[in-house]
Amino acid sequence: MRIIKNIKNMILALMLVLLIGAAGWGYITGGSGRNTPEQSGLSMKPTDEEMSQLMETICSFPTYTSNPIAYIDAHAAEFQKMIEYGENTLRYCFKLFEQGGQTGLEGHIMAMACREILSGEDDFLLFTDTGQAWYDTFKAKAENIRDQNGDAFIQENMPGSWLLLQMPEEK
C-alpha cells in the first residue's frame, strides 16, 4: 500500500514539473511555443526555388507509402517552415495549382500546407481526392462567396481567399 502511495506521489510530482516546465517555456518563447519567421531565421519572402526545395525534401521519403501525412511527419521541420512562410506559401502553391495537374503527392502536401495556413477558411472542404481538386473547389467557393457578399466581405473575413482572388491567373 505504501509503495502504491509513493508511486502516485512521484507521478503527481512529475506531472507538476512537466506542467511548470511547459508554462515556463511558453513564457520564455512569448507564449505561443512557435517561433516567428524572424526568430527562427527564416526569410519572410522565400524564393520559388526555396519553396521548391522544401517541397522536394518533403516528397523525398518515405518511399514505402503514398500517405502524405507520413511524408510530412518525416519532414516536420520543412513543413513547419512552409506554414511559417504563410502568405508566401499560399502564393507559391496557388500559382502551381493555377497551372493545373497537381494530382500527386506534391499536390496533397501543398493542399495540406494551405489548409493549415488558412486556419478554417476552407471548413467546407472535408475531403478531396487530390490537392488539385481541393484547390479547384476552394477557388470556386471563394469566387461564389465574393459574388454573393462582395469584395469587402471576402477581404475582411477570408484573407486567404482574398489573396487568391487578387492573384493573376497564370496558365
N, C-alpha and C. Protein backbone atom coordinates (compact mmCIF):
# COMPACT_ATOMS: atom_id res chain seq x y z
N MET A 1 0.82 -1.19 0.00
CA MET A 1 0.00 0.00 0.00
C MET A 1 0.87 1.26 0.00
N ARG A 2 1.92 1.21 0.80
CA ARG A 2 2.82 2.36 0.89
C ARG A 2 3.56 2.58 -0.44
N ILE A 3 3.91 1.50 -1.14
CA ILE A 3 4.60 1.60 -2.43
C ILE A 3 3.70 2.27 -3.44
N ILE A 4 2.43 1.89 -3.46
CA ILE A 4 1.47 2.49 -4.42
C ILE A 4 1.33 3.97 -4.13
N LYS A 5 1.25 4.36 -2.85
CA LYS A 5 1.14 5.77 -2.50
C LYS A 5 2.38 6.54 -2.94
N ASN A 6 3.56 5.96 -2.77
CA ASN A 6 4.80 6.60 -3.21
C ASN A 6 4.83 6.76 -4.73
N ILE A 7 4.37 5.75 -5.45
CA ILE A 7 4.33 5.84 -6.92
C ILE A 7 3.38 6.94 -7.36
N LYS A 8 2.21 7.01 -6.72
CA LYS A 8 1.24 8.07 -7.06
C LYS A 8 1.85 9.44 -6.81
N ASN A 9 2.52 9.60 -5.69
CA ASN A 9 3.14 10.88 -5.36
C ASN A 9 4.23 11.24 -6.37
N MET A 10 5.01 10.25 -6.80
CA MET A 10 6.05 10.51 -7.80
C MET A 10 5.43 10.91 -9.13
N ILE A 11 4.35 10.26 -9.52
CA ILE A 11 3.68 10.60 -10.77
C ILE A 11 3.12 12.02 -10.70
N LEU A 12 2.48 12.37 -9.59
CA LEU A 12 1.96 13.72 -9.43
C LEU A 12 3.08 14.76 -9.47
N ALA A 13 4.20 14.45 -8.82
CA ALA A 13 5.33 15.38 -8.82
C ALA A 13 5.88 15.55 -10.24
N LEU A 14 5.99 14.46 -10.98
CA LEU A 14 6.48 14.53 -12.35
C LEU A 14 5.53 15.35 -13.22
N MET A 15 4.23 15.14 -13.06
CA MET A 15 3.26 15.91 -13.84
C MET A 15 3.36 17.39 -13.51
N LEU A 16 3.55 17.73 -12.24
CA LEU A 16 3.70 19.11 -11.83
C LEU A 16 4.95 19.74 -12.45
N VAL A 17 6.04 19.02 -12.44
CA VAL A 17 7.29 19.51 -13.05
C VAL A 17 7.09 19.75 -14.54
N LEU A 18 6.44 18.82 -15.22
CA LEU A 18 6.20 18.99 -16.65
C LEU A 18 5.29 20.18 -16.93
N LEU A 19 4.26 20.35 -16.13
CA LEU A 19 3.34 21.47 -16.30
C LEU A 19 4.05 22.80 -16.07
N ILE A 20 4.82 22.88 -15.01
CA ILE A 20 5.57 24.12 -14.73
C ILE A 20 6.59 24.37 -15.83
N GLY A 21 7.26 23.34 -16.29
CA GLY A 21 8.22 23.49 -17.37
C GLY A 21 7.58 23.98 -18.65
N ALA A 22 6.42 23.45 -18.99
CA ALA A 22 5.71 23.88 -20.20
C ALA A 22 5.26 25.33 -20.07
N ALA A 23 4.78 25.71 -18.89
CA ALA A 23 4.35 27.09 -18.67
C ALA A 23 5.54 28.03 -18.76
N GLY A 24 6.66 27.63 -18.18
CA GLY A 24 7.87 28.45 -18.26
C GLY A 24 8.36 28.61 -19.68
N TRP A 25 8.31 27.54 -20.45
CA TRP A 25 8.74 27.61 -21.84
C TRP A 25 7.84 28.54 -22.63
N GLY A 26 6.55 28.49 -22.37
CA GLY A 26 5.61 29.40 -23.04
C GLY A 26 5.93 30.84 -22.72
N TYR A 27 6.29 31.11 -21.46
CA TYR A 27 6.66 32.46 -21.06
C TYR A 27 7.93 32.91 -21.78
N ILE A 28 8.91 32.05 -21.84
CA ILE A 28 10.19 32.37 -22.48
C ILE A 28 10.02 32.64 -23.97
N THR A 29 9.18 31.86 -24.65
CA THR A 29 9.02 32.00 -26.11
C THR A 29 7.93 32.97 -26.49
N GLY A 30 7.37 33.67 -25.53
CA GLY A 30 6.34 34.63 -25.85
C GLY A 30 4.95 34.02 -25.80
N GLY A 31 4.81 32.83 -25.26
CA GLY A 31 3.51 32.25 -25.04
C GLY A 31 3.03 31.28 -26.08
N SER A 32 3.49 31.37 -27.29
CA SER A 32 2.93 30.53 -28.33
C SER A 32 3.64 29.20 -28.47
N GLY A 33 4.90 29.15 -28.09
CA GLY A 33 5.65 27.92 -28.31
C GLY A 33 6.17 27.83 -29.73
N ARG A 34 5.69 28.70 -30.62
CA ARG A 34 6.14 28.72 -32.01
C ARG A 34 7.00 29.95 -32.23
N ASN A 35 8.05 29.79 -32.98
CA ASN A 35 8.88 30.93 -33.33
C ASN A 35 8.26 31.64 -34.52
N THR A 36 8.40 32.97 -34.52
CA THR A 36 8.03 33.70 -35.71
C THR A 36 9.12 33.45 -36.75
N PRO A 37 8.84 33.72 -38.03
CA PRO A 37 9.89 33.54 -39.03
C PRO A 37 11.16 34.32 -38.70
N GLU A 38 11.00 35.52 -38.12
CA GLU A 38 12.18 36.31 -37.78
C GLU A 38 13.00 35.62 -36.70
N GLN A 39 12.33 35.05 -35.67
CA GLN A 39 13.02 34.39 -34.58
C GLN A 39 13.74 33.13 -35.04
N SER A 40 13.18 32.44 -36.02
CA SER A 40 13.79 31.19 -36.45
C SER A 40 14.76 31.39 -37.60
N GLY A 41 15.00 32.65 -37.99
CA GLY A 41 15.96 32.93 -39.03
C GLY A 41 15.44 32.69 -40.43
N LEU A 42 14.13 32.60 -40.60
CA LEU A 42 13.56 32.37 -41.92
C LEU A 42 13.42 33.68 -42.67
N SER A 43 13.63 33.61 -43.95
CA SER A 43 13.36 34.75 -44.81
C SER A 43 11.86 34.95 -44.87
N MET A 44 11.41 36.18 -44.79
CA MET A 44 9.97 36.43 -44.88
C MET A 44 9.45 36.22 -46.30
N LYS A 45 10.31 36.37 -47.29
CA LYS A 45 9.89 36.18 -48.67
C LYS A 45 10.78 35.13 -49.32
N PRO A 46 10.42 33.88 -49.13
CA PRO A 46 11.23 32.84 -49.76
C PRO A 46 11.08 32.89 -51.28
N THR A 47 12.11 32.52 -51.97
CA THR A 47 12.03 32.46 -53.42
C THR A 47 11.29 31.19 -53.82
N ASP A 48 10.85 31.17 -55.08
CA ASP A 48 10.22 29.95 -55.59
C ASP A 48 11.18 28.78 -55.49
N GLU A 49 12.47 29.06 -55.67
CA GLU A 49 13.48 27.99 -55.57
C GLU A 49 13.54 27.42 -54.15
N GLU A 50 13.47 28.30 -53.14
CA GLU A 50 13.47 27.84 -51.75
C GLU A 50 12.22 27.00 -51.46
N MET A 51 11.08 27.47 -51.95
CA MET A 51 9.83 26.73 -51.74
C MET A 51 9.88 25.39 -52.46
N SER A 52 10.42 25.39 -53.65
CA SER A 52 10.54 24.16 -54.42
C SER A 52 11.46 23.16 -53.71
N GLN A 53 12.53 23.67 -53.11
CA GLN A 53 13.45 22.81 -52.37
C GLN A 53 12.78 22.19 -51.15
N LEU A 54 11.97 22.99 -50.44
CA LEU A 54 11.23 22.44 -49.30
C LEU A 54 10.30 21.32 -49.76
N MET A 55 9.58 21.56 -50.86
CA MET A 55 8.66 20.55 -51.38
C MET A 55 9.43 19.29 -51.80
N GLU A 56 10.55 19.49 -52.46
CA GLU A 56 11.36 18.35 -52.91
C GLU A 56 11.84 17.52 -51.72
N THR A 57 12.27 18.20 -50.67
CA THR A 57 12.73 17.50 -49.47
C THR A 57 11.59 16.72 -48.83
N ILE A 58 10.45 17.36 -48.67
CA ILE A 58 9.30 16.69 -48.04
C ILE A 58 8.88 15.48 -48.85
N CYS A 59 8.88 15.58 -50.15
CA CYS A 59 8.43 14.49 -51.02
C CYS A 59 9.49 13.41 -51.25
N SER A 60 10.67 13.57 -50.68
CA SER A 60 11.77 12.65 -50.99
C SER A 60 11.64 11.27 -50.35
N PHE A 61 11.09 11.18 -49.15
CA PHE A 61 10.88 9.90 -48.48
C PHE A 61 9.91 10.11 -47.34
N PRO A 62 9.27 9.11 -46.86
CA PRO A 62 9.49 7.67 -47.01
C PRO A 62 8.82 7.15 -48.29
N THR A 63 9.56 6.40 -49.05
CA THR A 63 9.04 5.92 -50.33
C THR A 63 8.18 4.68 -50.20
N TYR A 64 8.09 4.12 -49.01
CA TYR A 64 7.30 2.90 -48.82
C TYR A 64 5.79 3.18 -48.74
N THR A 65 5.39 4.44 -48.76
CA THR A 65 3.99 4.79 -48.63
C THR A 65 3.64 5.95 -49.54
N SER A 66 2.37 6.07 -49.85
CA SER A 66 1.91 7.23 -50.61
C SER A 66 1.09 8.16 -49.72
N ASN A 67 1.07 7.90 -48.42
CA ASN A 67 0.32 8.71 -47.48
C ASN A 67 1.05 10.03 -47.24
N PRO A 68 0.46 11.17 -47.63
CA PRO A 68 1.14 12.46 -47.47
C PRO A 68 1.49 12.76 -46.01
N ILE A 69 0.70 12.29 -45.08
CA ILE A 69 0.98 12.56 -43.67
C ILE A 69 2.30 11.91 -43.24
N ALA A 70 2.61 10.75 -43.77
CA ALA A 70 3.89 10.10 -43.45
C ALA A 70 5.06 10.95 -43.94
N TYR A 71 4.92 11.56 -45.11
CA TYR A 71 5.98 12.42 -45.64
C TYR A 71 6.13 13.69 -44.80
N ILE A 72 5.00 14.25 -44.39
CA ILE A 72 5.03 15.46 -43.54
C ILE A 72 5.64 15.12 -42.19
N ASP A 73 5.25 13.98 -41.62
CA ASP A 73 5.81 13.57 -40.33
C ASP A 73 7.32 13.36 -40.42
N ALA A 74 7.79 12.82 -41.54
CA ALA A 74 9.22 12.57 -41.73
C ALA A 74 10.00 13.87 -41.94
N HIS A 75 9.31 14.93 -42.30
CA HIS A 75 9.96 16.22 -42.58
C HIS A 75 9.20 17.35 -41.90
N ALA A 76 8.95 17.18 -40.61
CA ALA A 76 8.15 18.15 -39.86
C ALA A 76 8.75 19.55 -39.88
N ALA A 77 10.06 19.66 -39.80
CA ALA A 77 10.70 20.98 -39.77
C ALA A 77 10.50 21.72 -41.08
N GLU A 78 10.63 21.01 -42.20
CA GLU A 78 10.43 21.64 -43.51
C GLU A 78 8.97 22.05 -43.70
N PHE A 79 8.06 21.18 -43.28
CA PHE A 79 6.64 21.51 -43.40
C PHE A 79 6.31 22.72 -42.52
N GLN A 80 6.88 22.77 -41.33
CA GLN A 80 6.66 23.90 -40.44
C GLN A 80 7.16 25.20 -41.06
N LYS A 81 8.30 25.14 -41.75
CA LYS A 81 8.80 26.33 -42.45
C LYS A 81 7.78 26.82 -43.47
N MET A 82 7.19 25.87 -44.19
CA MET A 82 6.17 26.26 -45.17
C MET A 82 5.01 26.98 -44.48
N ILE A 83 4.59 26.47 -43.34
CA ILE A 83 3.49 27.07 -42.60
C ILE A 83 3.89 28.47 -42.13
N GLU A 84 5.09 28.60 -41.62
CA GLU A 84 5.56 29.89 -41.11
C GLU A 84 5.70 30.92 -42.23
N TYR A 85 5.94 30.50 -43.44
CA TYR A 85 6.03 31.44 -44.55
C TYR A 85 4.66 32.01 -44.92
N GLY A 86 3.60 31.41 -44.40
CA GLY A 86 2.25 31.97 -44.51
C GLY A 86 1.81 32.33 -45.92
N GLU A 87 1.53 33.62 -46.12
CA GLU A 87 1.02 34.10 -47.41
C GLU A 87 1.96 33.77 -48.56
N ASN A 88 3.24 33.76 -48.29
CA ASN A 88 4.20 33.44 -49.35
C ASN A 88 4.03 31.99 -49.81
N THR A 89 3.76 31.09 -48.87
CA THR A 89 3.48 29.70 -49.24
C THR A 89 2.18 29.62 -50.02
N LEU A 90 1.17 30.36 -49.57
CA LEU A 90 -0.10 30.37 -50.31
C LEU A 90 0.12 30.82 -51.75
N ARG A 91 0.85 31.91 -51.93
CA ARG A 91 1.11 32.41 -53.29
C ARG A 91 1.81 31.35 -54.15
N TYR A 92 2.83 30.73 -53.57
CA TYR A 92 3.59 29.71 -54.30
C TYR A 92 2.67 28.55 -54.70
N CYS A 93 1.91 28.04 -53.74
CA CYS A 93 1.03 26.90 -54.01
C CYS A 93 -0.09 27.28 -54.97
N PHE A 94 -0.71 28.44 -54.75
CA PHE A 94 -1.80 28.87 -55.64
C PHE A 94 -1.30 28.98 -57.08
N LYS A 95 -0.07 29.48 -57.24
CA LYS A 95 0.49 29.62 -58.59
C LYS A 95 0.63 28.25 -59.26
N LEU A 96 1.13 27.27 -58.52
CA LEU A 96 1.26 25.92 -59.09
C LEU A 96 -0.10 25.29 -59.35
N PHE A 97 -1.04 25.49 -58.43
CA PHE A 97 -2.38 24.94 -58.63
C PHE A 97 -3.04 25.57 -59.86
N GLU A 98 -2.80 26.85 -60.10
CA GLU A 98 -3.36 27.53 -61.28
C GLU A 98 -2.86 26.89 -62.57
N GLN A 99 -1.64 26.36 -62.55
CA GLN A 99 -1.10 25.70 -63.73
C GLN A 99 -1.79 24.36 -63.98
N GLY A 100 -2.41 23.82 -62.93
CA GLY A 100 -3.15 22.57 -63.06
C GLY A 100 -2.28 21.34 -62.88
N GLY A 101 -2.93 20.20 -62.79
CA GLY A 101 -2.24 18.92 -62.77
C GLY A 101 -1.61 18.52 -61.45
N GLN A 102 -1.93 19.19 -60.36
CA GLN A 102 -1.33 18.86 -59.06
C GLN A 102 -2.13 17.73 -58.40
N THR A 103 -2.05 16.56 -59.00
CA THR A 103 -2.87 15.42 -58.55
C THR A 103 -2.08 14.36 -57.79
N GLY A 104 -0.80 14.57 -57.61
CA GLY A 104 0.03 13.58 -56.92
C GLY A 104 0.34 13.98 -55.49
N LEU A 105 1.40 13.41 -54.97
CA LEU A 105 1.83 13.64 -53.60
C LEU A 105 2.08 15.12 -53.33
N GLU A 106 2.78 15.78 -54.23
CA GLU A 106 3.09 17.20 -54.04
C GLU A 106 1.82 18.03 -53.91
N GLY A 107 0.81 17.73 -54.72
CA GLY A 107 -0.46 18.45 -54.64
C GLY A 107 -1.13 18.26 -53.29
N HIS A 108 -1.10 17.03 -52.78
CA HIS A 108 -1.68 16.78 -51.45
C HIS A 108 -0.95 17.57 -50.38
N ILE A 109 0.37 17.57 -50.44
CA ILE A 109 1.15 18.27 -49.42
C ILE A 109 0.93 19.78 -49.50
N MET A 110 0.87 20.32 -50.71
CA MET A 110 0.59 21.75 -50.85
C MET A 110 -0.79 22.09 -50.31
N ALA A 111 -1.78 21.25 -50.60
CA ALA A 111 -3.13 21.50 -50.09
C ALA A 111 -3.15 21.45 -48.56
N MET A 112 -2.42 20.51 -47.98
CA MET A 112 -2.37 20.40 -46.52
C MET A 112 -1.71 21.63 -45.91
N ALA A 113 -0.65 22.13 -46.53
CA ALA A 113 0.01 23.34 -46.04
C ALA A 113 -0.94 24.53 -46.15
N CYS A 114 -1.61 24.66 -47.28
CA CYS A 114 -2.55 25.76 -47.47
C CYS A 114 -3.67 25.71 -46.44
N ARG A 115 -4.20 24.52 -46.22
CA ARG A 115 -5.30 24.38 -45.26
C ARG A 115 -4.84 24.78 -43.85
N GLU A 116 -3.62 24.42 -43.50
CA GLU A 116 -3.08 24.79 -42.19
C GLU A 116 -2.96 26.31 -42.08
N ILE A 117 -2.48 26.95 -43.12
CA ILE A 117 -2.29 28.40 -43.12
C ILE A 117 -3.64 29.12 -43.13
N LEU A 118 -4.59 28.59 -43.87
CA LEU A 118 -5.91 29.22 -44.00
C LEU A 118 -6.72 29.16 -42.71
N SER A 119 -6.37 28.30 -41.82
CA SER A 119 -6.99 28.21 -40.49
C SER A 119 -8.52 28.22 -40.52
N GLY A 120 -9.09 27.35 -41.31
CA GLY A 120 -10.54 27.19 -41.27
C GLY A 120 -11.31 27.89 -42.37
N GLU A 121 -10.64 28.68 -43.21
CA GLU A 121 -11.36 29.33 -44.31
C GLU A 121 -11.97 28.32 -45.25
N ASP A 122 -11.47 27.10 -45.22
CA ASP A 122 -11.96 26.07 -46.14
C ASP A 122 -12.67 24.96 -45.38
N ASP A 123 -13.33 25.29 -44.27
CA ASP A 123 -14.02 24.28 -43.46
C ASP A 123 -15.03 23.45 -44.25
N PHE A 124 -15.48 24.00 -45.35
CA PHE A 124 -16.47 23.29 -46.17
C PHE A 124 -15.85 22.15 -46.96
N LEU A 125 -14.54 22.07 -47.00
CA LEU A 125 -13.85 21.02 -47.77
C LEU A 125 -13.28 19.97 -46.82
N LEU A 126 -14.06 19.00 -46.50
CA LEU A 126 -13.58 17.98 -45.57
C LEU A 126 -12.69 16.96 -46.23
N PHE A 127 -12.97 16.63 -47.48
CA PHE A 127 -12.17 15.61 -48.15
C PHE A 127 -12.20 15.83 -49.66
N THR A 128 -11.05 15.73 -50.27
CA THR A 128 -10.96 15.75 -51.72
C THR A 128 -9.96 14.67 -52.14
N ASP A 129 -10.10 14.19 -53.37
CA ASP A 129 -9.23 13.11 -53.85
C ASP A 129 -7.80 13.56 -54.11
N THR A 130 -7.63 14.82 -54.52
CA THR A 130 -6.30 15.32 -54.86
C THR A 130 -6.14 16.75 -54.34
N GLY A 131 -4.91 17.20 -54.29
CA GLY A 131 -4.65 18.59 -53.95
C GLY A 131 -5.27 19.53 -54.97
N GLN A 132 -5.21 19.15 -56.23
CA GLN A 132 -5.79 19.99 -57.29
C GLN A 132 -7.30 20.12 -57.11
N ALA A 133 -7.95 19.02 -56.75
CA ALA A 133 -9.40 19.06 -56.52
C ALA A 133 -9.73 19.97 -55.34
N TRP A 134 -8.89 19.91 -54.30
CA TRP A 134 -9.10 20.83 -53.17
C TRP A 134 -9.02 22.27 -53.64
N TYR A 135 -7.97 22.59 -54.38
CA TYR A 135 -7.77 23.97 -54.84
C TYR A 135 -8.91 24.43 -55.74
N ASP A 136 -9.27 23.60 -56.69
CA ASP A 136 -10.34 23.99 -57.62
C ASP A 136 -11.64 24.27 -56.87
N THR A 137 -11.94 23.44 -55.87
CA THR A 137 -13.15 23.64 -55.06
C THR A 137 -13.02 24.88 -54.19
N PHE A 138 -11.85 25.07 -53.59
CA PHE A 138 -11.61 26.24 -52.76
C PHE A 138 -11.76 27.52 -53.58
N LYS A 139 -11.19 27.55 -54.76
CA LYS A 139 -11.26 28.74 -55.60
C LYS A 139 -12.70 29.02 -56.04
N ALA A 140 -13.41 27.97 -56.45
CA ALA A 140 -14.80 28.15 -56.88
C ALA A 140 -15.65 28.67 -55.72
N LYS A 141 -15.42 28.14 -54.53
CA LYS A 141 -16.17 28.59 -53.35
C LYS A 141 -15.84 30.04 -53.03
N ALA A 142 -14.58 30.41 -53.12
CA ALA A 142 -14.18 31.80 -52.86
C ALA A 142 -14.83 32.75 -53.86
N GLU A 143 -14.85 32.37 -55.13
CA GLU A 143 -15.49 33.20 -56.15
C GLU A 143 -17.00 33.32 -55.89
N ASN A 144 -17.61 32.22 -55.48
CA ASN A 144 -19.03 32.21 -55.18
C ASN A 144 -19.35 33.11 -53.98
N ILE A 145 -18.55 33.02 -52.94
CA ILE A 145 -18.77 33.86 -51.75
C ILE A 145 -18.57 35.33 -52.10
N ARG A 146 -17.56 35.62 -52.93
CA ARG A 146 -17.35 37.01 -53.36
C ARG A 146 -18.54 37.51 -54.17
N ASP A 147 -19.06 36.68 -55.08
CA ASP A 147 -20.21 37.08 -55.89
C ASP A 147 -21.43 37.36 -55.02
N GLN A 148 -21.60 36.57 -53.96
CA GLN A 148 -22.76 36.72 -53.09
C GLN A 148 -22.62 37.86 -52.09
N ASN A 149 -21.38 38.09 -51.60
CA ASN A 149 -21.18 39.03 -50.48
C ASN A 149 -20.32 40.23 -50.80
N GLY A 150 -19.64 40.23 -51.93
CA GLY A 150 -18.81 41.37 -52.31
C GLY A 150 -17.36 41.26 -51.86
N ASP A 151 -16.54 42.11 -52.46
CA ASP A 151 -15.11 42.13 -52.18
C ASP A 151 -14.80 42.47 -50.72
N ALA A 152 -15.51 43.45 -50.17
CA ALA A 152 -15.21 43.89 -48.80
C ALA A 152 -15.40 42.75 -47.80
N PHE A 153 -16.43 41.95 -48.00
CA PHE A 153 -16.68 40.82 -47.10
C PHE A 153 -15.53 39.82 -47.17
N ILE A 154 -15.14 39.47 -48.38
CA ILE A 154 -14.05 38.48 -48.54
C ILE A 154 -12.75 39.04 -47.96
N GLN A 155 -12.45 40.29 -48.26
CA GLN A 155 -11.21 40.89 -47.78
C GLN A 155 -11.16 40.90 -46.25
N GLU A 156 -12.27 41.21 -45.61
CA GLU A 156 -12.31 41.30 -44.16
C GLU A 156 -12.37 39.94 -43.47
N ASN A 157 -13.11 39.01 -44.03
CA ASN A 157 -13.39 37.75 -43.34
C ASN A 157 -12.62 36.54 -43.85
N MET A 158 -12.08 36.63 -45.04
CA MET A 158 -11.40 35.48 -45.64
C MET A 158 -10.12 35.93 -46.34
N PRO A 159 -9.10 36.32 -45.58
CA PRO A 159 -7.89 36.90 -46.19
C PRO A 159 -7.17 35.96 -47.16
N GLY A 160 -7.18 34.66 -46.91
CA GLY A 160 -6.54 33.73 -47.84
C GLY A 160 -7.29 33.66 -49.16
N SER A 161 -8.60 33.68 -49.09
CA SER A 161 -9.42 33.69 -50.30
C SER A 161 -9.22 35.00 -51.05
N TRP A 162 -9.13 36.10 -50.30
CA TRP A 162 -8.90 37.40 -50.92
C TRP A 162 -7.56 37.41 -51.65
N LEU A 163 -6.53 36.85 -51.02
CA LEU A 163 -5.21 36.75 -51.65
C LEU A 163 -5.32 35.98 -52.97
N LEU A 164 -6.00 34.86 -52.94
CA LEU A 164 -6.18 34.04 -54.15
C LEU A 164 -6.88 34.84 -55.25
N LEU A 165 -7.94 35.52 -54.89
CA LEU A 165 -8.73 36.24 -55.89
C LEU A 165 -8.00 37.46 -56.45
N GLN A 166 -6.96 37.93 -55.77
CA GLN A 166 -6.18 39.05 -56.26
C GLN A 166 -5.02 38.63 -57.17
N MET A 167 -4.73 37.35 -57.17
CA MET A 167 -3.62 36.85 -57.99
C MET A 167 -4.04 36.76 -59.45
N PRO A 168 -3.14 37.16 -60.33
CA PRO A 168 -3.46 36.98 -61.77
C PRO A 168 -3.42 35.51 -62.12
N GLU A 169 -4.29 35.11 -63.03
CA GLU A 169 -4.28 33.71 -63.48
C GLU A 169 -3.04 33.49 -64.33
N GLU A 170 -2.28 32.48 -63.97
CA GLU A 170 -1.03 32.18 -64.67
C GLU A 170 -1.12 30.80 -65.30
N LYS A 171 -1.63 30.75 -66.49
CA LYS A 171 -1.74 29.45 -67.17
C LYS A 171 -0.75 29.35 -68.28
